[in-house]
């Protein structure tokens, strides 16, 4: 089991890392009617608040969203 420290948004570097993670997730998801930055731009703060920066929580939210969309 790997331990990953939570992401943070207090610094410019932290916000950049969070956005890069979300952009990477966007590249791998197949979403109808999507555009670059749909998740990383429009939902970045919401996803951070819901996941508190924890990777596993973020992926759970993404998975549940995809399940509901299907």
PDB file of N, CA and C in Angstrom:
ATOM      1  N   UNK A   1       0.838  -1.167   0.000  1.00  0.00           N
ATOM      2  CA  UNK A   1       0.000   0.000   0.000  1.00  0.00           C
ATOM      3  C   UNK A   1       0.891   1.240   0.000  1.00  0.00           C
ATOM      4  N   UNK A   2       0.544   2.189  -0.849  1.00  0.00           N
ATOM      5  CA  UNK A   2       1.291   3.436  -0.938  1.00  0.00           C
ATOM      6  C   UNK A   2       0.558   4.536  -0.198  1.00  0.00           C
ATOM      7  N   UNK A   3       1.311   5.403   0.417  1.00  0.00           N
ATOM      8  CA  UNK A   3       0.729   6.556   1.088  1.00  0.00           C
ATOM      9  C   UNK A   3       1.047   7.793   0.266  1.00  0.00           C
ATOM     10  N   UNK A   4       0.026   8.560  -0.054  1.00  0.00           N
ATOM     11  CA  UNK A   4       0.188   9.801  -0.809  1.00  0.00           C
ATOM     12  C   UNK A   4      -0.312  10.936   0.066  1.00  0.00           C
ATOM     13  N   UNK A   5       0.519  11.920   0.269  1.00  0.00           N
ATOM     14  CA  UNK A   5       0.099  13.084   1.042  1.00  0.00           C
ATOM     15  C   UNK A   5      -0.997  13.818   0.291  1.00  0.00           C
ATOM     16  N   UNK A   6      -1.939  14.414   1.011  1.00  0.00           N
ATOM     17  CA  UNK A   6      -3.011  15.160   0.342  1.00  0.00           C
ATOM     18  C   UNK A   6      -2.449  16.341  -0.456  1.00  0.00           C
ATOM     19  N   UNK A   7      -3.116  16.657  -1.531  1.00  0.00           N
ATOM     20  CA  UNK A   7      -2.768  17.845  -2.296  1.00  0.00           C
ATOM     21  C   UNK A   7      -3.189  19.054  -1.473  1.00  0.00           C
ATOM     22  N   UNK A   8      -2.622  20.204  -1.788  1.00  0.00           N
ATOM     23  CA  UNK A   8      -3.008  21.427  -1.101  1.00  0.00           C
ATOM     24  C   UNK A   8      -3.159  22.549  -2.113  1.00  0.00           C
ATOM     25  N   UNK A   9      -3.919  23.553  -1.745  1.00  0.00           N
ATOM     26  CA  UNK A   9      -4.175  24.661  -2.669  1.00  0.00           C
ATOM     27  C   UNK A   9      -3.772  26.005  -2.064  1.00  0.00           C
ATOM     28  N   UNK A  10      -2.982  25.972  -0.995  1.00  0.00           N
ATOM     29  CA  UNK A  10      -2.565  27.227  -0.356  1.00  0.00           C
ATOM     30  C   UNK A  10      -1.500  27.957  -1.150  1.00  0.00           C
ATOM     31  N   UNK A  11      -0.735  27.215  -1.944  1.00  0.00           N
ATOM     32  CA  UNK A  11       0.353  27.826  -2.705  1.00  0.00           C
ATOM     33  C   UNK A  11       0.091  27.707  -4.199  1.00  0.00           C
ATOM     34  N   UNK A  12       0.798  28.506  -4.960  1.00  0.00           N
ATOM     35  CA  UNK A  12       0.690  28.447  -6.418  1.00  0.00           C
ATOM     36  C   UNK A  12       1.115  27.071  -6.924  1.00  0.00           C
ATOM     37  N   UNK A  13       2.190  26.540  -6.368  1.00  0.00           N
ATOM     38  CA  UNK A  13       2.668  25.207  -6.761  1.00  0.00           C
ATOM     39  C   UNK A  13       1.636  24.129  -6.429  1.00  0.00           C
ATOM     40  N   UNK A  14       0.996  24.238  -5.280  1.00  0.00           N
ATOM     41  CA  UNK A  14      -0.041  23.281  -4.899  1.00  0.00           C
ATOM     42  C   UNK A  14      -1.226  23.324  -5.843  1.00  0.00           C
ATOM     43  N   UNK A  15      -1.665  24.525  -6.202  1.00  0.00           N
ATOM     44  CA  UNK A  15      -2.776  24.664  -7.154  1.00  0.00           C
ATOM     45  C   UNK A  15      -2.392  24.127  -8.520  1.00  0.00           C
ATOM     46  N   UNK A  16      -1.145  24.359  -8.922  1.00  0.00           N
ATOM     47  CA  UNK A  16      -0.666  23.858 -10.213  1.00  0.00           C
ATOM     48  C   UNK A  16      -0.647  22.335 -10.222  1.00  0.00           C
ATOM     49  N   UNK A  17      -0.184  21.713  -9.148  1.00  0.00           N
ATOM     50  CA  UNK A  17      -0.153  20.243  -9.058  1.00  0.00           C
ATOM     51  C   UNK A  17      -1.561  19.661  -9.108  1.00  0.00           C
ATOM     52  N   UNK A  18      -2.494  20.288  -8.402  1.00  0.00           N
ATOM     53  CA  UNK A  18      -3.883  19.820  -8.397  1.00  0.00           C
ATOM     54  C   UNK A  18      -4.472  19.907  -9.804  1.00  0.00           C
ATOM     55  N   UNK A  19      -4.228  21.022 -10.475  1.00  0.00           N
ATOM     56  CA  UNK A  19      -4.749  21.210 -11.843  1.00  0.00           C
ATOM     57  C   UNK A  19      -4.129  20.186 -12.796  1.00  0.00           C
ATOM     58  N   UNK A  20      -2.840  19.922 -12.672  1.00  0.00           N
ATOM     59  CA  UNK A  20      -2.180  18.940 -13.529  1.00  0.00           C
ATOM     60  C   UNK A  20      -2.772  17.546 -13.312  1.00  0.00           C
ATOM     61  N   UNK A  21      -3.051  17.210 -12.078  1.00  0.00           N
ATOM     62  CA  UNK A  21      -3.692  15.929 -11.783  1.00  0.00           C
ATOM     63  C   UNK A  21      -5.054  15.849 -12.469  1.00  0.00           C
ATOM     64  N   UNK A  22      -5.855  16.895 -12.345  1.00  0.00           N
ATOM     65  CA  UNK A  22      -7.184  16.900 -12.957  1.00  0.00           C
ATOM     66  C   UNK A  22      -7.102  16.864 -14.479  1.00  0.00           C
ATOM     67  N   UNK A  23      -6.135  17.557 -15.058  1.00  0.00           N
ATOM     68  CA  UNK A  23      -5.958  17.505 -16.514  1.00  0.00           C
ATOM     69  C   UNK A  23      -5.582  16.099 -16.965  1.00  0.00           C
ATOM     70  N   UNK A  24      -4.761  15.410 -16.181  1.00  0.00           N
ATOM     71  CA  UNK A  24      -4.399  14.027 -16.489  1.00  0.00           C
ATOM     72  C   UNK A  24      -5.606  13.111 -16.437  1.00  0.00           C
ATOM     73  N   UNK A  25      -6.465  13.313 -15.457  1.00  0.00           N
ATOM     74  CA  UNK A  25      -7.693  12.521 -15.359  1.00  0.00           C
ATOM     75  C   UNK A  25      -8.580  12.799 -16.568  1.00  0.00           C
ATOM     76  N   UNK A  26      -8.698  14.075 -16.937  1.00  0.00           N
ATOM     77  CA  UNK A  26      -9.505  14.449 -18.115  1.00  0.00           C
ATOM     78  C   UNK A  26      -9.030  13.741 -19.382  1.00  0.00           C
ATOM     79  N   UNK A  27      -7.718  13.659 -19.558  1.00  0.00           N
ATOM     80  CA  UNK A  27      -7.172  13.030 -20.766  1.00  0.00           C
ATOM     81  C   UNK A  27      -7.565  11.564 -20.862  1.00  0.00           C
ATOM     82  N   UNK A  28      -7.727  10.904 -19.741  1.00  0.00           N
ATOM     83  CA  UNK A  28      -8.018   9.476 -19.730  1.00  0.00           C
ATOM     84  C   UNK A  28      -9.508   9.152 -19.741  1.00  0.00           C
ATOM     85  N   UNK A  29     -10.349  10.102 -19.396  1.00  0.00           N
ATOM     86  CA  UNK A  29     -11.795   9.866 -19.382  1.00  0.00           C
ATOM     87  C   UNK A  29     -12.383  10.088 -20.767  1.00  0.00           C
ATOM     88  N   UNK A  30     -13.349   9.277 -21.110  1.00  0.00           N
ATOM     89  CA  UNK A  30     -14.087   9.477 -22.355  1.00  0.00           C
ATOM     90  C   UNK A  30     -15.436  10.068 -21.949  1.00  0.00           C
ATOM     91  N   UNK A  31     -15.596  11.352 -22.215  1.00  0.00           N
ATOM     92  CA  UNK A  31     -16.821  12.051 -21.836  1.00  0.00           C
ATOM     93  C   UNK A  31     -17.470  12.659 -23.069  1.00  0.00           C
ATOM     94  N   UNK A  32     -18.738  12.439 -23.242  1.00  0.00           N
ATOM     95  CA  UNK A  32     -19.466  13.038 -24.365  1.00  0.00           C
ATOM     96  C   UNK A  32     -19.602  14.538 -24.119  1.00  0.00           C
ATOM     97  N   UNK A  33     -19.347  15.312 -25.146  1.00  0.00           N
ATOM     98  CA  UNK A  33     -19.512  16.760 -25.053  1.00  0.00           C
ATOM     99  C   UNK A  33     -18.532  17.433 -24.120  1.00  0.00           C
ATOM    100  N   UNK A  34     -17.389  16.840 -23.924  1.00  0.00           N
ATOM    101  CA  UNK A  34     -16.408  17.422 -22.997  1.00  0.00           C
ATOM    102  C   UNK A  34     -15.471  18.369 -23.726  1.00  0.00           C
ATOM    103  N   UNK A  35     -14.787  19.195 -22.972  1.00  0.00           N
ATOM    104  CA  UNK A  35     -13.788  20.112 -23.507  1.00  0.00           C
ATOM    105  C   UNK A  35     -12.621  20.162 -22.525  1.00  0.00           C
ATOM    106  N   UNK A  36     -11.452  20.518 -23.045  1.00  0.00           N
ATOM    107  CA  UNK A  36     -10.259  20.593 -22.200  1.00  0.00           C
ATOM    108  C   UNK A  36     -10.490  21.619 -21.102  1.00  0.00           C
ATOM    109  N   UNK A  37     -10.268  21.229 -19.913  1.00  0.00           N
ATOM    110  CA  UNK A  37     -10.458  22.112 -18.773  1.00  0.00           C
ATOM    111  C   UNK A  37     -11.827  21.983 -18.130  1.00  0.00           C
ATOM    112  N   UNK A  38     -12.650  21.099 -18.654  1.00  0.00           N
ATOM    113  CA  UNK A  38     -13.988  20.933 -18.095  1.00  0.00           C
ATOM    114  C   UNK A  38     -13.918  20.542 -16.617  1.00  0.00           C
ATOM    115  N   UNK A  39     -13.054  19.616 -16.302  1.00  0.00           N
ATOM    116  CA  UNK A  39     -12.887  19.199 -14.907  1.00  0.00           C
ATOM    117  C   UNK A  39     -11.869  20.088 -14.205  1.00  0.00           C
ATOM    118  N   UNK A  40     -10.721  20.281 -14.833  1.00  0.00           N
ATOM    119  CA  UNK A  40      -9.627  21.029 -14.203  1.00  0.00           C
ATOM    120  C   UNK A  40      -9.966  22.502 -14.005  1.00  0.00           C
ATOM    121  N   UNK A  41     -10.781  23.056 -14.877  1.00  0.00           N
ATOM    122  CA  UNK A  41     -11.116  24.472 -14.754  1.00  0.00           C
ATOM    123  C   UNK A  41     -12.402  24.700 -13.992  1.00  0.00           C
ATOM    124  N   UNK A  42     -13.461  24.049 -14.436  1.00  0.00           N
ATOM    125  CA  UNK A  42     -14.783  24.307 -13.877  1.00  0.00           C
ATOM    126  C   UNK A  42     -15.030  23.623 -12.532  1.00  0.00           C
ATOM    127  N   UNK A  43     -14.398  22.501 -12.301  1.00  0.00           N
ATOM    128  CA  UNK A  43     -14.696  21.716 -11.100  1.00  0.00           C
ATOM    129  C   UNK A  43     -13.535  21.589 -10.118  1.00  0.00           C
ATOM    130  N   UNK A  44     -12.431  22.256 -10.379  1.00  0.00           N
ATOM    131  CA  UNK A  44     -11.220  22.081  -9.553  1.00  0.00           C
ATOM    132  C   UNK A  44     -11.477  22.384  -8.080  1.00  0.00           C
ATOM    133  N   UNK A  45     -12.069  23.521  -7.786  1.00  0.00           N
ATOM    134  CA  UNK A  45     -12.297  23.898  -6.385  1.00  0.00           C
ATOM    135  C   UNK A  45     -13.341  23.004  -5.727  1.00  0.00           C
ATOM    136  N   UNK A  46     -14.388  22.682  -6.471  1.00  0.00           N
ATOM    137  CA  UNK A  46     -15.431  21.802  -5.940  1.00  0.00           C
ATOM    138  C   UNK A  46     -14.854  20.434  -5.587  1.00  0.00           C
ATOM    139  N   UNK A  47     -14.079  19.856  -6.523  1.00  0.00           N
ATOM    140  CA  UNK A  47     -13.493  18.538  -6.278  1.00  0.00           C
ATOM    141  C   UNK A  47     -12.499  18.571  -5.130  1.00  0.00           C
ATOM    142  N   UNK A  48     -11.767  19.668  -5.011  1.00  0.00           N
ATOM    143  CA  UNK A  48     -10.832  19.784  -3.890  1.00  0.00           C
ATOM    144  C   UNK A  48     -11.594  19.832  -2.566  1.00  0.00           C
ATOM    145  N   UNK A  49     -12.649  20.625  -2.527  1.00  0.00           N
ATOM    146  CA  UNK A  49     -13.440  20.733  -1.299  1.00  0.00           C
ATOM    147  C   UNK A  49     -14.056  19.390  -0.920  1.00  0.00           C
ATOM    148  N   UNK A  50     -14.567  18.665  -1.900  1.00  0.00           N
ATOM    149  CA  UNK A  50     -15.202  17.372  -1.624  1.00  0.00           C
ATOM    150  C   UNK A  50     -14.197  16.299  -1.232  1.00  0.00           C
ATOM    151  N   UNK A  51     -12.989  16.356  -1.814  1.00  0.00           N
ATOM    152  CA  UNK A  51     -11.999  15.306  -1.551  1.00  0.00           C
ATOM    153  C   UNK A  51     -10.985  15.712  -0.480  1.00  0.00           C
ATOM    154  N   UNK A  52     -11.000  16.963  -0.092  1.00  0.00           N
ATOM    155  CA  UNK A  52     -10.003  17.559   0.811  1.00  0.00           C
ATOM    156  C   UNK A  52      -8.569  17.278   0.343  1.00  0.00           C
ATOM    157  N   UNK A  53      -8.415  17.141  -0.965  1.00  0.00           N
ATOM    158  CA  UNK A  53      -7.095  16.933  -1.539  1.00  0.00           C
ATOM    159  C   UNK A  53      -6.586  15.515  -1.498  1.00  0.00           C
ATOM    160  N   UNK A  54      -7.383  14.583  -1.022  1.00  0.00           N
ATOM    161  CA  UNK A  54      -6.972  13.182  -0.943  1.00  0.00           C
ATOM    162  C   UNK A  54      -7.244  12.481  -2.273  1.00  0.00           C
ATOM    163  N   UNK A  55      -6.216  11.827  -2.797  1.00  0.00           N
ATOM    164  CA  UNK A  55      -6.300  11.176  -4.096  1.00  0.00           C
ATOM    165  C   UNK A  55      -7.397  10.114  -4.138  1.00  0.00           C
ATOM    166  N   UNK A  56      -7.453   9.277  -3.122  1.00  0.00           N
ATOM    167  CA  UNK A  56      -8.450   8.192  -3.115  1.00  0.00           C
ATOM    168  C   UNK A  56      -9.863   8.758  -3.108  1.00  0.00           C
ATOM    169  N   UNK A  57     -10.094   9.808  -2.351  1.00  0.00           N
ATOM    170  CA  UNK A  57     -11.420  10.436  -2.320  1.00  0.00           C
ATOM    171  C   UNK A  57     -11.759  11.048  -3.672  1.00  0.00           C
ATOM    172  N   UNK A  58     -10.780  11.674  -4.303  1.00  0.00           N
ATOM    173  CA  UNK A  58     -10.997  12.254  -5.628  1.00  0.00           C
ATOM    174  C   UNK A  58     -11.389  11.171  -6.624  1.00  0.00           C
ATOM    175  N   UNK A  59     -10.662  10.073  -6.632  1.00  0.00           N
ATOM    176  CA  UNK A  59     -10.947   9.011  -7.586  1.00  0.00           C
ATOM    177  C   UNK A  59     -12.305   8.364  -7.303  1.00  0.00           C
ATOM    178  N   UNK A  60     -12.698   8.307  -6.055  1.00  0.00           N
ATOM    179  CA  UNK A  60     -14.024   7.797  -5.719  1.00  0.00           C
ATOM    180  C   UNK A  60     -15.101   8.721  -6.286  1.00  0.00           C
ATOM    181  N   UNK A  61     -14.914  10.023  -6.155  1.00  0.00           N
ATOM    182  CA  UNK A  61     -15.867  10.981  -6.718  1.00  0.00           C
ATOM    183  C   UNK A  61     -15.946  10.862  -8.235  1.00  0.00           C
ATOM    184  N   UNK A  62     -14.792  10.750  -8.879  1.00  0.00           N
ATOM    185  CA  UNK A  62     -14.743  10.617 -10.346  1.00  0.00           C
ATOM    186  C   UNK A  62     -15.444   9.324 -10.760  1.00  0.00           C
ATOM    187  N   UNK A  63     -15.154   8.237 -10.077  1.00  0.00           N
ATOM    188  CA  UNK A  63     -15.780   6.941 -10.407  1.00  0.00           C
ATOM    189  C   UNK A  63     -17.294   6.986 -10.244  1.00  0.00           C
ATOM    190  N   UNK A  64     -17.753   7.561  -9.143  1.00  0.00           N
ATOM    191  CA  UNK A  64     -19.184   7.659  -8.926  1.00  0.00           C
ATOM    192  C   UNK A  64     -19.857   8.548  -9.954  1.00  0.00           C
ATOM    193  N   UNK A  65     -19.178   9.629 -10.344  1.00  0.00           N
ATOM    194  CA  UNK A  65     -19.716  10.512 -11.383  1.00  0.00           C
ATOM    195  C   UNK A  65     -19.837   9.798 -12.716  1.00  0.00           C
ATOM    196  N   UNK A  66     -18.831   9.021 -13.061  1.00  0.00           N
ATOM    197  CA  UNK A  66     -18.860   8.263 -14.323  1.00  0.00           C
ATOM    198  C   UNK A  66     -19.961   7.213 -14.282  1.00  0.00           C
ATOM    199  N   UNK A  67     -20.129   6.551 -13.148  1.00  0.00           N
ATOM    200  CA  UNK A  67     -21.169   5.547 -13.004  1.00  0.00           C
ATOM    201  C   UNK A  67     -22.538   6.182 -13.203  1.00  0.00           C
ATOM    202  N   UNK A  68     -22.751   7.328 -12.573  1.00  0.00           N
ATOM    203  CA  UNK A  68     -24.050   8.013 -12.699  1.00  0.00           C
ATOM    204  C   UNK A  68     -24.280   8.500 -14.127  1.00  0.00           C
ATOM    205  N   UNK A  69     -23.218   8.934 -14.794  1.00  0.00           N
ATOM    206  CA  UNK A  69     -23.350   9.429 -16.163  1.00  0.00           C
ATOM    207  C   UNK A  69     -23.738   8.295 -17.131  1.00  0.00           C
ATOM    208  N   UNK A  70     -23.216   7.111 -16.839  1.00  0.00           N
ATOM    209  CA  UNK A  70     -23.514   5.969 -17.712  1.00  0.00           C
ATOM    210  C   UNK A  70     -24.937   5.519 -17.475  1.00  0.00           C
TER     211      UNK A  70
END
